[in-house]
Amino acid sequence: MSISSFFFGFPLLVNDFTIIVWAIKFFVERKKEDVMDAQNRKNPTE
């Protein structure tokens, strides 16, 4: 593994990881909102 390929490959790796983490965070937030909506529908806060 040459230094240049590592140097150019590393940002791509970080970018992929960031996208995956962002996607998971987005998915979890959506799930949380869905759950909260369902709870609000069951027992609406006065």
PDB file of N, CA and C in Angstrom:
ATOM      1  N   MET A   1       0.859  -1.197   0.000  1.00  0.00           N
ATOM      2  CA  MET A   1       0.000   0.000   0.000  1.00  0.00           C
ATOM      3  C   MET A   1       0.889   1.240   0.000  1.00  0.00           C
ATOM      4  N   SER A   2       0.767   2.040  -1.041  1.00  0.00           N
ATOM      5  CA  SER A   2       1.610   3.226  -1.132  1.00  0.00           C
ATOM      6  C   SER A   2       1.004   4.362  -0.316  1.00  0.00           C
ATOM      7  N   ILE A   3       1.858   5.315   0.003  1.00  0.00           N
ATOM      8  CA  ILE A   3       1.404   6.442   0.831  1.00  0.00           C
ATOM      9  C   ILE A   3       0.306   7.222   0.097  1.00  0.00           C
ATOM     10  N   SER A   4       0.488   7.420  -1.219  1.00  0.00           N
ATOM     11  CA  SER A   4      -0.471   8.248  -1.962  1.00  0.00           C
ATOM     12  C   SER A   4      -1.847   7.600  -1.988  1.00  0.00           C
ATOM     13  N   SER A   5      -1.911   6.283  -2.175  1.00  0.00           N
ATOM     14  CA  SER A   5      -3.223   5.618  -2.220  1.00  0.00           C
ATOM     15  C   SER A   5      -3.880   5.685  -0.852  1.00  0.00           C
ATOM     16  N   PHE A   6      -3.093   5.575   0.203  1.00  0.00           N
ATOM     17  CA  PHE A   6      -3.641   5.715   1.557  1.00  0.00           C
ATOM     18  C   PHE A   6      -4.138   7.141   1.762  1.00  0.00           C
ATOM     19  N   PHE A   7      -3.335   8.098   1.294  1.00  0.00           N
ATOM     20  CA  PHE A   7      -3.658   9.515   1.478  1.00  0.00           C
ATOM     21  C   PHE A   7      -4.953   9.869   0.768  1.00  0.00           C
ATOM     22  N   PHE A   8      -5.142   9.317  -0.456  1.00  0.00           N
ATOM     23  CA  PHE A   8      -6.348   9.643  -1.217  1.00  0.00           C
ATOM     24  C   PHE A   8      -7.522   8.753  -0.826  1.00  0.00           C
ATOM     25  N   GLY A   9      -7.243   7.576  -0.312  1.00  0.00           N
ATOM     26  CA  GLY A   9      -8.316   6.660   0.063  1.00  0.00           C
ATOM     27  C   GLY A   9      -8.925   7.002   1.411  1.00  0.00           C
ATOM     28  N   PHE A  10      -8.128   7.603   2.283  1.00  0.00           N
ATOM     29  CA  PHE A  10      -8.596   7.890   3.641  1.00  0.00           C
ATOM     30  C   PHE A  10      -9.797   8.832   3.660  1.00  0.00           C
ATOM     31  N   PRO A  11      -9.756   9.974   2.941  1.00  0.00           N
ATOM     32  CA  PRO A  11     -10.927  10.869   2.946  1.00  0.00           C
ATOM     33  C   PRO A  11     -12.186  10.178   2.444  1.00  0.00           C
ATOM     34  N   LEU A  12     -12.044   9.296   1.461  1.00  0.00           N
ATOM     35  CA  LEU A  12     -13.210   8.575   0.951  1.00  0.00           C
ATOM     36  C   LEU A  12     -13.786   7.692   2.045  1.00  0.00           C
ATOM     37  N   LEU A  13     -12.912   7.028   2.788  1.00  0.00           N
ATOM     38  CA  LEU A  13     -13.342   6.150   3.875  1.00  0.00           C
ATOM     39  C   LEU A  13     -14.098   6.965   4.920  1.00  0.00           C
ATOM     40  N   VAL A  14     -13.531   8.088   5.308  1.00  0.00           N
ATOM     41  CA  VAL A  14     -14.159   8.957   6.308  1.00  0.00           C
ATOM     42  C   VAL A  14     -15.503   9.452   5.788  1.00  0.00           C
ATOM     43  N   ASN A  15     -15.545   9.799   4.503  1.00  0.00           N
ATOM     44  CA  ASN A  15     -16.776  10.309   3.904  1.00  0.00           C
ATOM     45  C   ASN A  15     -17.866   9.246   3.960  1.00  0.00           C
ATOM     46  N   ASP A  16     -17.525   8.005   3.569  1.00  0.00           N
ATOM     47  CA  ASP A  16     -18.498   6.909   3.613  1.00  0.00           C
ATOM     48  C   ASP A  16     -19.000   6.717   5.042  1.00  0.00           C
ATOM     49  N   PHE A  17     -18.086   6.717   6.002  1.00  0.00           N
ATOM     50  CA  PHE A  17     -18.444   6.507   7.402  1.00  0.00           C
ATOM     51  C   PHE A  17     -19.382   7.613   7.874  1.00  0.00           C
ATOM     52  N   THR A  18     -19.070   8.856   7.495  1.00  0.00           N
ATOM     53  CA  THR A  18     -19.899   9.991   7.901  1.00  0.00           C
ATOM     54  C   THR A  18     -21.303   9.857   7.337  1.00  0.00           C
ATOM     55  N   ILE A  19     -21.392   9.443   6.069  1.00  0.00           N
ATOM     56  CA  ILE A  19     -22.705   9.291   5.428  1.00  0.00           C
ATOM     57  C   ILE A  19     -23.507   8.207   6.137  1.00  0.00           C
ATOM     58  N   ILE A  20     -22.840   7.098   6.488  1.00  0.00           N
ATOM     59  CA  ILE A  20     -23.527   5.991   7.164  1.00  0.00           C
ATOM     60  C   ILE A  20     -24.036   6.455   8.528  1.00  0.00           C
ATOM     61  N   VAL A  21     -23.178   7.134   9.273  1.00  0.00           N
ATOM     62  CA  VAL A  21     -23.567   7.620  10.607  1.00  0.00           C
ATOM     63  C   VAL A  21     -24.731   8.599  10.485  1.00  0.00           C
ATOM     64  N   TRP A  22     -24.651   9.493   9.491  1.00  0.00           N
ATOM     65  CA  TRP A  22     -25.719  10.479   9.291  1.00  0.00           C
ATOM     66  C   TRP A  22     -27.033   9.784   8.959  1.00  0.00           C
ATOM     67  N   ALA A  23     -26.950   8.746   8.104  1.00  0.00           N
ATOM     68  CA  ALA A  23     -28.160   8.019   7.710  1.00  0.00           C
ATOM     69  C   ALA A  23     -28.788   7.335   8.923  1.00  0.00           C
ATOM     70  N   ILE A  24     -27.949   6.729   9.772  1.00  0.00           N
ATOM     71  CA  ILE A  24     -28.463   6.050  10.970  1.00  0.00           C
ATOM     72  C   ILE A  24     -29.119   7.074  11.896  1.00  0.00           C
ATOM     73  N   LYS A  25     -28.444   8.219  12.079  1.00  0.00           N
ATOM     74  CA  LYS A  25     -28.997   9.262  12.953  1.00  0.00           C
ATOM     75  C   LYS A  25     -30.343   9.738  12.424  1.00  0.00           C
ATOM     76  N   PHE A  26     -30.405   9.964  11.105  1.00  0.00           N
ATOM     77  CA  PHE A  26     -31.643  10.428  10.475  1.00  0.00           C
ATOM     78  C   PHE A  26     -32.753   9.410  10.699  1.00  0.00           C
ATOM     79  N   PHE A  27     -32.428   8.120  10.512  1.00  0.00           N
ATOM     80  CA  PHE A  27     -33.417   7.052  10.662  1.00  0.00           C
ATOM     81  C   PHE A  27     -33.922   6.985  12.102  1.00  0.00           C
ATOM     82  N   VAL A  28     -33.004   7.098  13.058  1.00  0.00           N
ATOM     83  CA  VAL A  28     -33.386   7.033  14.474  1.00  0.00           C
ATOM     84  C   VAL A  28     -34.287   8.216  14.830  1.00  0.00           C
ATOM     85  N   GLU A  29     -33.940   9.401  14.336  1.00  0.00           N
ATOM     86  CA  GLU A  29     -34.762  10.584  14.622  1.00  0.00           C
ATOM     87  C   GLU A  29     -36.170  10.402  14.070  1.00  0.00           C
ATOM     88  N   ARG A  30     -36.268   9.875  12.851  1.00  0.00           N
ATOM     89  CA  ARG A  30     -37.585   9.646  12.240  1.00  0.00           C
ATOM     90  C   ARG A  30     -38.393   8.666  13.083  1.00  0.00           C
ATOM     91  N   LYS A  31     -37.745   7.586  13.537  1.00  0.00           N
ATOM     92  CA  LYS A  31     -38.427   6.581  14.354  1.00  0.00           C
ATOM     93  C   LYS A  31     -38.919   7.224  15.646  1.00  0.00           C
ATOM     94  N   LYS A  32     -38.076   8.055  16.256  1.00  0.00           N
ATOM     95  CA  LYS A  32     -38.454   8.711  17.513  1.00  0.00           C
ATOM     96  C   LYS A  32     -39.690   9.580  17.295  1.00  0.00           C
ATOM     97  N   GLU A  33     -39.694  10.331  16.195  1.00  0.00           N
ATOM     98  CA  GLU A  33     -40.839  11.200  15.901  1.00  0.00           C
ATOM     99  C   GLU A  33     -42.098  10.374  15.690  1.00  0.00           C
ATOM    100  N   ASP A  34     -41.966   9.243  14.988  1.00  0.00           N
ATOM    101  CA  ASP A  34     -43.125   8.374  14.750  1.00  0.00           C
ATOM    102  C   ASP A  34     -43.684   7.873  16.078  1.00  0.00           C
ATOM    103  N   VAL A  35     -42.803   7.449  16.967  1.00  0.00           N
ATOM    104  CA  VAL A  35     -43.237   6.926  18.265  1.00  0.00           C
ATOM    105  C   VAL A  35     -43.926   8.027  19.065  1.00  0.00           C
ATOM    106  N   MET A  36     -43.342   9.224  19.054  1.00  0.00           N
ATOM    107  CA  MET A  36     -43.937  10.328  19.805  1.00  0.00           C
ATOM    108  C   MET A  36     -45.303  10.697  19.229  1.00  0.00           C
ATOM    109  N   ASP A  37     -45.403  10.692  17.907  1.00  0.00           N
ATOM    110  CA  ASP A  37     -46.697  10.983  17.271  1.00  0.00           C
ATOM    111  C   ASP A  37     -47.739   9.960  17.701  1.00  0.00           C
ATOM    112  N   ALA A  38     -47.359   8.699  17.716  1.00  0.00           N
ATOM    113  CA  ALA A  38     -48.289   7.632  18.092  1.00  0.00           C
ATOM    114  C   ALA A  38     -48.734   7.821  19.543  1.00  0.00           C
ATOM    115  N   GLN A  39     -47.784   8.169  20.415  1.00  0.00           N
ATOM    116  CA  GLN A  39     -48.132   8.374  21.826  1.00  0.00           C
ATOM    117  C   GLN A  39     -49.064   9.575  21.973  1.00  0.00           C
ATOM    118  N   ASN A  40     -48.793  10.624  21.227  1.00  0.00           N
ATOM    119  CA  ASN A  40     -49.634  11.827  21.301  1.00  0.00           C
ATOM    120  C   ASN A  40     -51.047  11.523  20.831  1.00  0.00           C
ATOM    121  N   ARG A  41     -51.172  10.651  19.843  1.00  0.00           N
ATOM    122  CA  ARG A  41     -52.497  10.311  19.340  1.00  0.00           C
ATOM    123  C   ARG A  41     -53.265   9.494  20.374  1.00  0.00           C
ATOM    124  N   LYS A  42     -52.534   8.617  21.079  1.00  0.00           N
ATOM    125  CA  LYS A  42     -53.189   7.756  22.078  1.00  0.00           C
ATOM    126  C   LYS A  42     -53.667   8.587  23.269  1.00  0.00           C
ATOM    127  N   ASN A  43     -52.761   9.362  23.842  1.00  0.00           N
ATOM    128  CA  ASN A  43     -53.150  10.195  24.986  1.00  0.00           C
ATOM    129  C   ASN A  43     -52.698  11.631  24.726  1.00  0.00           C
ATOM    130  N   PRO A  44     -53.555  12.431  24.108  1.00  0.00           N
ATOM    131  CA  PRO A  44     -53.194  13.823  23.796  1.00  0.00           C
ATOM    132  C   PRO A  44     -52.966  14.629  25.065  1.00  0.00           C
ATOM    133  N   THR A  45     -51.914  15.448  25.021  1.00  0.00           N
ATOM    134  CA  THR A  45     -51.609  16.276  26.197  1.00  0.00           C
ATOM    135  C   THR A  45     -52.554  17.463  26.225  1.00  0.00           C
ATOM    136  N   GLU A  46     -53.119  17.697  27.378  1.00  0.00           N
ATOM    137  CA  GLU A  46     -54.074  18.812  27.519  1.00  0.00           C
ATOM    138  C   GLU A  46     -53.335  20.132  27.641  1.00  0.00           C
TER     139      GLU A  46
END
